[in-house]
Amino acid sequence: RQLGYHDKPIGLLNVAGYYDGLLRFLHTSVGSGFMGPWQMDLVHASTSSDVLLPGLVQAMQASPSGPALRSVI
């Protein structure tokens, strides 16, 4: 997104804590100033697809390229 190439949400279905390490790394990166909070806002993680998928749909509709993504949904 920083270069204008990516503004779509990123979904992580975190079953059994599989992505816990990655999420800790990303939060540490924000805290250390290596990436901005707005970049972390692109990442949506949940242990439930029933929560994750509607959240991704909502985030896609709010993104600048949201209307173009509606054809994918």
C-alpha atoms as a PDB file:
ATOM      1  CA  ARG A   1       0.000   0.000   0.000  1.00  0.00           C
ATOM      2  CA  GLN A   2       2.854   2.367   0.713  1.00  0.00           C
ATOM      3  CA  LEU A   3       3.779   2.313  -2.981  1.00  0.00           C
ATOM      4  CA  GLY A   4       0.135   2.414  -3.998  1.00  0.00           C
ATOM      5  CA  TYR A   5       0.055  -1.210  -5.126  1.00  0.00           C
ATOM      6  CA  HIS A   6      -2.027  -2.754  -2.378  1.00  0.00           C
ATOM      7  CA  ASP A   7      -4.961  -1.378  -0.433  1.00  0.00           C
ATOM      8  CA  LYS A   8      -6.973  -4.549   0.007  1.00  0.00           C
ATOM      9  CA  PRO A   9      -7.484  -6.218   3.376  1.00  0.00           C
ATOM     10  CA  ILE A  10      -5.446  -9.263   4.314  1.00  0.00           C
ATOM     11  CA  GLY A  11      -7.286 -12.082   6.054  1.00  0.00           C
ATOM     12  CA  LEU A  12      -5.661 -14.594   8.378  1.00  0.00           C
ATOM     13  CA  LEU A  13      -7.735 -17.518   9.612  1.00  0.00           C
ATOM     14  CA  ASN A  14      -5.758 -18.119  12.791  1.00  0.00           C
ATOM     15  CA  VAL A  15      -6.723 -21.726  13.546  1.00  0.00           C
ATOM     16  CA  ALA A  16      -5.024 -23.144  16.655  1.00  0.00           C
ATOM     17  CA  GLY A  17      -2.831 -20.039  16.922  1.00  0.00           C
ATOM     18  CA  TYR A  18      -1.033 -20.795  13.636  1.00  0.00           C
ATOM     19  CA  TYR A  19      -0.451 -17.089  12.866  1.00  0.00           C
ATOM     20  CA  ASP A  20       0.207 -15.928  16.447  1.00  0.00           C
ATOM     21  CA  GLY A  21       3.940 -15.515  15.778  1.00  0.00           C
ATOM     22  CA  LEU A  22       3.337 -13.507  12.615  1.00  0.00           C
ATOM     23  CA  LEU A  23       0.812 -11.279  14.375  1.00  0.00           C
ATOM     24  CA  ARG A  24       3.240 -10.647  17.258  1.00  0.00           C
ATOM     25  CA  PHE A  25       5.944  -9.774  14.721  1.00  0.00           C
ATOM     26  CA  LEU A  26       3.631  -7.334  12.918  1.00  0.00           C
ATOM     27  CA  HIS A  27       2.571  -5.658  16.178  1.00  0.00           C
ATOM     28  CA  THR A  28       6.230  -5.382  17.215  1.00  0.00           C
ATOM     29  CA  SER A  29       7.022  -3.850  13.816  1.00  0.00           C
ATOM     30  CA  VAL A  30       4.364  -1.198  14.373  1.00  0.00           C
ATOM     31  CA  GLY A  31       5.604  -0.515  17.910  1.00  0.00           C
ATOM     32  CA  SER A  32       9.179  -0.161  16.647  1.00  0.00           C
ATOM     33  CA  GLY A  33       8.179   2.178  13.849  1.00  0.00           C
ATOM     34  CA  PHE A  34       9.051  -0.165  10.973  1.00  0.00           C
ATOM     35  CA  MET A  35       5.486  -0.074   9.722  1.00  0.00           C
ATOM     36  CA  GLY A  36       2.598   2.257  10.395  1.00  0.00           C
ATOM     37  CA  PRO A  37      -0.633   1.478  12.206  1.00  0.00           C
ATOM     38  CA  TRP A  38      -2.487   2.099   8.927  1.00  0.00           C
ATOM     39  CA  GLN A  39      -0.570  -0.843   7.441  1.00  0.00           C
ATOM     40  CA  MET A  40      -1.549  -3.070  10.351  1.00  0.00           C
ATOM     41  CA  ASP A  41      -5.151  -1.996   9.803  1.00  0.00           C
ATOM     42  CA  LEU A  42      -5.064  -3.983   6.543  1.00  0.00           C
ATOM     43  CA  VAL A  43      -4.570  -7.219   8.512  1.00  0.00           C
ATOM     44  CA  HIS A  44      -7.703  -8.933   9.776  1.00  0.00           C
ATOM     45  CA  ALA A  45      -7.268 -12.067  11.865  1.00  0.00           C
ATOM     46  CA  SER A  46      -9.801 -14.315  13.518  1.00  0.00           C
ATOM     47  CA  THR A  47     -10.103 -17.879  14.729  1.00  0.00           C
ATOM     48  CA  SER A  48     -13.529 -18.109  13.094  1.00  0.00           C
ATOM     49  CA  SER A  49     -14.377 -17.851   9.406  1.00  0.00           C
ATOM     50  CA  ASP A  50     -17.847 -16.673  10.475  1.00  0.00           C
ATOM     51  CA  VAL A  51     -16.178 -13.558  11.909  1.00  0.00           C
ATOM     52  CA  LEU A  52     -13.306 -13.178   9.441  1.00  0.00           C
ATOM     53  CA  LEU A  53     -15.207 -13.271   6.151  1.00  0.00           C
ATOM     54  CA  PRO A  54     -17.844 -10.622   6.974  1.00  0.00           C
ATOM     55  CA  GLY A  55     -15.050  -8.417   8.342  1.00  0.00           C
ATOM     56  CA  LEU A  56     -13.117  -8.769   5.092  1.00  0.00           C
ATOM     57  CA  VAL A  57     -16.205  -7.952   3.029  1.00  0.00           C
ATOM     58  CA  GLN A  58     -16.788  -4.823   5.103  1.00  0.00           C
ATOM     59  CA  ALA A  59     -13.135  -3.799   4.806  1.00  0.00           C
ATOM     60  CA  MET A  60     -13.142  -4.377   1.030  1.00  0.00           C
ATOM     61  CA  GLN A  61     -16.214  -2.202   0.595  1.00  0.00           C
ATOM     62  CA  ALA A  62     -14.525   0.578   2.570  1.00  0.00           C
ATOM     63  CA  SER A  63     -11.248   0.401   0.600  1.00  0.00           C
ATOM     64  CA  PRO A  64     -10.619   2.794  -2.318  1.00  0.00           C
ATOM     65  CA  SER A  65     -10.840  -0.116  -4.764  1.00  0.00           C
ATOM     66  CA  GLY A  66     -13.937  -1.507  -3.043  1.00  0.00           C
ATOM     67  CA  PRO A  67     -16.358  -1.091  -5.956  1.00  0.00           C
ATOM     68  CA  ALA A  68     -14.027  -3.048  -8.255  1.00  0.00           C
ATOM     69  CA  LEU A  69     -13.843  -5.848  -5.689  1.00  0.00           C
ATOM     70  CA  ARG A  70     -17.600  -6.307  -5.505  1.00  0.00           C
ATOM     71  CA  SER A  71     -17.454  -8.391  -8.675  1.00  0.00           C
ATOM     72  CA  VAL A  72     -15.212 -10.851  -6.815  1.00  0.00           C
ATOM     73  CA  ILE A  73     -17.569 -11.274  -3.862  1.00  0.00           C
END
